[in-house]
Amino acid sequence: MFTAGVFVNGPYALITTAVAADLGTHKSLKGNARALATVTAIIDGTGSVGAAIGPVLTGYIAAISWDAVFYMLMTAALISGLLLTKLIITEVKTLLYGSSEEDEIVSAASEPRPPIDVLI
């Protein structure tokens, strides 16, 4: 049971830590430890609620069919990907143009892009 807990909680803790570290660099939370702690707690709490609801929902859906369980998992993955789309686009633009500010990204979008071999 301990080994299962290590393998399940390890990745979960890494995800919440990465999100909290990323939020710590956001300009709206700069220097406000209380706001950062609140946002981190909300993220952690949401993950815990999802971890509690997921098996219950899976149990109900498994009574219908196992195919439905896998469709539920695919739907959840698709929704997660869609919710991350804006963040992914912003991150890619930041990597391409070397800017973290949205207004600088917009102005950089009008500039010509460097050749692909320069980026590699």
C-alpha atoms as a PDB file:
ATOM      1  CA  MET A   1       0.000   0.000   0.000  1.00  0.00           C
ATOM      2  CA  PHE A   2       2.903   2.327   0.787  1.00  0.00           C
ATOM      3  CA  THR A   3       4.452   1.720  -2.630  1.00  0.00           C
ATOM      4  CA  ALA A   4       1.156   2.441  -4.376  1.00  0.00           C
ATOM      5  CA  GLY A   5       0.856   5.668  -2.373  1.00  0.00           C
ATOM      6  CA  VAL A   6       4.348   6.751  -3.395  1.00  0.00           C
ATOM      7  CA  PHE A   7       3.658   6.147  -7.078  1.00  0.00           C
ATOM      8  CA  VAL A   8       0.248   7.848  -6.992  1.00  0.00           C
ATOM      9  CA  ASN A   9       0.988  10.824  -4.745  1.00  0.00           C
ATOM     10  CA  GLY A  10       4.443  11.541  -6.200  1.00  0.00           C
ATOM     11  CA  PRO A  11       3.256  12.752  -9.616  1.00  0.00           C
ATOM     12  CA  TYR A  12       0.300  14.546  -8.016  1.00  0.00           C
ATOM     13  CA  ALA A  13       2.610  16.462  -5.669  1.00  0.00           C
ATOM     14  CA  LEU A  14       4.921  17.342  -8.571  1.00  0.00           C
ATOM     15  CA  ILE A  15       2.038  18.773 -10.592  1.00  0.00           C
ATOM     16  CA  THR A  16       0.791  20.977  -7.747  1.00  0.00           C
ATOM     17  CA  THR A  17       4.324  22.106  -6.952  1.00  0.00           C
ATOM     18  CA  ALA A  18       4.982  23.004 -10.593  1.00  0.00           C
ATOM     19  CA  VAL A  19       1.741  24.978 -10.822  1.00  0.00           C
ATOM     20  CA  ALA A  20       2.490  26.816  -7.579  1.00  0.00           C
ATOM     21  CA  ALA A  21       6.029  27.626  -8.763  1.00  0.00           C
ATOM     22  CA  ASP A  22       4.681  28.882 -12.085  1.00  0.00           C
ATOM     23  CA  LEU A  23       2.114  31.046 -10.325  1.00  0.00           C
ATOM     24  CA  GLY A  24       4.820  32.415  -8.053  1.00  0.00           C
ATOM     25  CA  THR A  25       6.398  34.103 -11.057  1.00  0.00           C
ATOM     26  CA  HIS A  26       3.131  35.648 -12.283  1.00  0.00           C
ATOM     27  CA  LYS A  27       3.102  39.442 -12.112  1.00  0.00           C
ATOM     28  CA  SER A  28      -0.315  39.636 -10.411  1.00  0.00           C
ATOM     29  CA  LEU A  29       0.915  37.597  -7.419  1.00  0.00           C
ATOM     30  CA  LYS A  30       4.359  39.182  -7.198  1.00  0.00           C
ATOM     31  CA  GLY A  31       5.248  39.820  -3.562  1.00  0.00           C
ATOM     32  CA  ASN A  32       1.863  38.703  -2.189  1.00  0.00           C
ATOM     33  CA  ALA A  33       2.536  35.515  -0.229  1.00  0.00           C
ATOM     34  CA  ARG A  34      -1.026  35.299   1.075  1.00  0.00           C
ATOM     35  CA  ALA A  35      -2.538  35.378  -2.431  1.00  0.00           C
ATOM     36  CA  LEU A  36      -0.047  32.763  -3.633  1.00  0.00           C
ATOM     37  CA  ALA A  37      -0.895  30.522  -0.662  1.00  0.00           C
ATOM     38  CA  THR A  38      -4.615  30.926  -1.373  1.00  0.00           C
ATOM     39  CA  VAL A  39      -4.239  30.045  -5.053  1.00  0.00           C
ATOM     40  CA  THR A  40      -2.026  27.066  -4.207  1.00  0.00           C
ATOM     41  CA  ALA A  41      -4.594  25.830  -1.661  1.00  0.00           C
ATOM     42  CA  ILE A  42      -7.391  26.154  -4.229  1.00  0.00           C
ATOM     43  CA  ILE A  43      -5.371  24.130  -6.755  1.00  0.00           C
ATOM     44  CA  ASP A  44      -4.545  21.478  -4.157  1.00  0.00           C
ATOM     45  CA  GLY A  45      -8.149  21.341  -2.930  1.00  0.00           C
ATOM     46  CA  THR A  46      -9.503  21.022  -6.456  1.00  0.00           C
ATOM     47  CA  GLY A  47      -7.148  18.111  -7.099  1.00  0.00           C
ATOM     48  CA  SER A  48      -8.275  16.421  -3.888  1.00  0.00           C
ATOM     49  CA  VAL A  49     -11.959  16.849  -4.771  1.00  0.00           C
ATOM     50  CA  GLY A  50     -11.288  15.424  -8.223  1.00  0.00           C
ATOM     51  CA  ALA A  51      -9.428  12.486  -6.670  1.00  0.00           C
ATOM     52  CA  ALA A  52     -12.426  11.819  -4.415  1.00  0.00           C
ATOM     53  CA  ILE A  53     -15.131  12.206  -7.079  1.00  0.00           C
ATOM     54  CA  GLY A  54     -13.297  10.342  -9.857  1.00  0.00           C
ATOM     55  CA  PRO A  55     -13.546   6.817  -8.413  1.00  0.00           C
ATOM     56  CA  VAL A  56     -17.207   7.304  -7.436  1.00  0.00           C
ATOM     57  CA  LEU A  57     -18.088   8.522 -10.922  1.00  0.00           C
ATOM     58  CA  THR A  58     -16.074   5.685 -12.444  1.00  0.00           C
ATOM     59  CA  GLY A  59     -18.002   3.175 -10.319  1.00  0.00           C
ATOM     60  CA  TYR A  60     -21.333   4.466 -11.594  1.00  0.00           C
ATOM     61  CA  ILE A  61     -20.164   4.547 -15.193  1.00  0.00           C
ATOM     62  CA  ALA A  62     -18.554   1.084 -14.934  1.00  0.00           C
ATOM     63  CA  ALA A  63     -22.008  -0.298 -14.097  1.00  0.00           C
ATOM     64  CA  ILE A  64     -23.081   0.802 -17.586  1.00  0.00           C
ATOM     65  CA  SER A  65     -20.043  -0.575 -19.432  1.00  0.00           C
ATOM     66  CA  TRP A  66     -16.272  -0.444 -19.399  1.00  0.00           C
ATOM     67  CA  ASP A  67     -16.302   1.249 -22.768  1.00  0.00           C
ATOM     68  CA  ALA A  68     -18.157   4.141 -21.131  1.00  0.00           C
ATOM     69  CA  VAL A  69     -15.381   4.420 -18.522  1.00  0.00           C
ATOM     70  CA  PHE A  70     -12.759   4.845 -21.218  1.00  0.00           C
ATOM     71  CA  TYR A  71     -14.949   7.358 -23.061  1.00  0.00           C
ATOM     72  CA  MET A  72     -15.231   9.314 -19.792  1.00  0.00           C
ATOM     73  CA  LEU A  73     -11.442   9.297 -19.411  1.00  0.00           C
ATOM     74  CA  MET A  74     -10.952  10.412 -23.015  1.00  0.00           C
ATOM     75  CA  THR A  75     -13.495  13.201 -22.514  1.00  0.00           C
ATOM     76  CA  ALA A  76     -11.743  14.362 -19.337  1.00  0.00           C
ATOM     77  CA  ALA A  77      -8.383  14.395 -21.145  1.00  0.00           C
ATOM     78  CA  LEU A  78      -9.890  16.343 -24.055  1.00  0.00           C
ATOM     79  CA  ILE A  79     -11.451  18.930 -21.729  1.00  0.00           C
ATOM     80  CA  SER A  80      -8.135  19.287 -19.879  1.00  0.00           C
ATOM     81  CA  GLY A  81      -6.312  19.834 -23.155  1.00  0.00           C
ATOM     82  CA  LEU A  82      -8.837  22.419 -24.302  1.00  0.00           C
ATOM     83  CA  LEU A  83      -8.548  24.315 -21.019  1.00  0.00           C
ATOM     84  CA  LEU A  84      -4.764  24.407 -21.410  1.00  0.00           C
ATOM     85  CA  THR A  85      -4.817  25.622 -25.019  1.00  0.00           C
ATOM     86  CA  LYS A  86      -4.465  29.337 -24.207  1.00  0.00           C
ATOM     87  CA  LEU A  87      -1.610  28.652 -21.800  1.00  0.00           C
ATOM     88  CA  ILE A  88       0.167  26.495 -24.376  1.00  0.00           C
ATOM     89  CA  ILE A  89      -0.168  29.181 -27.052  1.00  0.00           C
ATOM     90  CA  THR A  90       1.214  31.806 -24.658  1.00  0.00           C
ATOM     91  CA  GLU A  91       4.136  29.560 -23.679  1.00  0.00           C
ATOM     92  CA  VAL A  92       5.002  28.795 -27.308  1.00  0.00           C
ATOM     93  CA  LYS A  93       4.918  32.498 -28.192  1.00  0.00           C
ATOM     94  CA  THR A  94       7.144  33.208 -25.198  1.00  0.00           C
ATOM     95  CA  LEU A  95       9.640  30.599 -26.385  1.00  0.00           C
ATOM     96  CA  LEU A  96       9.596  31.899 -29.954  1.00  0.00           C
ATOM     97  CA  TYR A  97       9.804  35.599 -29.180  1.00  0.00           C
ATOM     98  CA  GLY A  98      11.582  35.602 -25.816  1.00  0.00           C
ATOM     99  CA  SER A  99       8.974  37.726 -24.065  1.00  0.00           C
ATOM    100  CA  SER A 100       6.708  36.997 -21.137  1.00  0.00           C
ATOM    101  CA  GLU A 101       4.404  40.016 -21.456  1.00  0.00           C
ATOM    102  CA  GLU A 102       1.262  39.564 -23.561  1.00  0.00           C
ATOM    103  CA  ASP A 103       1.470  43.031 -25.104  1.00  0.00           C
ATOM    104  CA  GLU A 104       5.071  42.423 -26.141  1.00  0.00           C
ATOM    105  CA  ILE A 105       4.018  39.107 -27.654  1.00  0.00           C
ATOM    106  CA  VAL A 106       1.332  40.827 -29.704  1.00  0.00           C
ATOM    107  CA  SER A 107       3.787  43.426 -30.988  1.00  0.00           C
ATOM    108  CA  ALA A 108       6.375  40.723 -31.669  1.00  0.00           C
ATOM    109  CA  ALA A 109       3.831  38.761 -33.705  1.00  0.00           C
ATOM    110  CA  SER A 110       3.944  41.454 -36.379  1.00  0.00           C
ATOM    111  CA  GLU A 111       7.739  41.147 -36.685  1.00  0.00           C
ATOM    112  CA  PRO A 112       9.213  38.620 -39.131  1.00  0.00           C
ATOM    113  CA  ARG A 113      10.054  35.248 -37.626  1.00  0.00           C
ATOM    114  CA  PRO A 114      13.611  33.908 -37.606  1.00  0.00           C
ATOM    115  CA  PRO A 115      14.397  30.924 -39.826  1.00  0.00           C
ATOM    116  CA  ILE A 116      13.736  27.495 -38.327  1.00  0.00           C
ATOM    117  CA  ASP A 117      17.428  26.553 -38.198  1.00  0.00           C
ATOM    118  CA  VAL A 118      18.076  29.530 -35.894  1.00  0.00           C
ATOM    119  CA  LEU A 119      15.543  28.186 -33.402  1.00  0.00           C
ATOM    120  CA  ILE A 120      17.095  24.724 -33.294  1.00  0.00           C
END
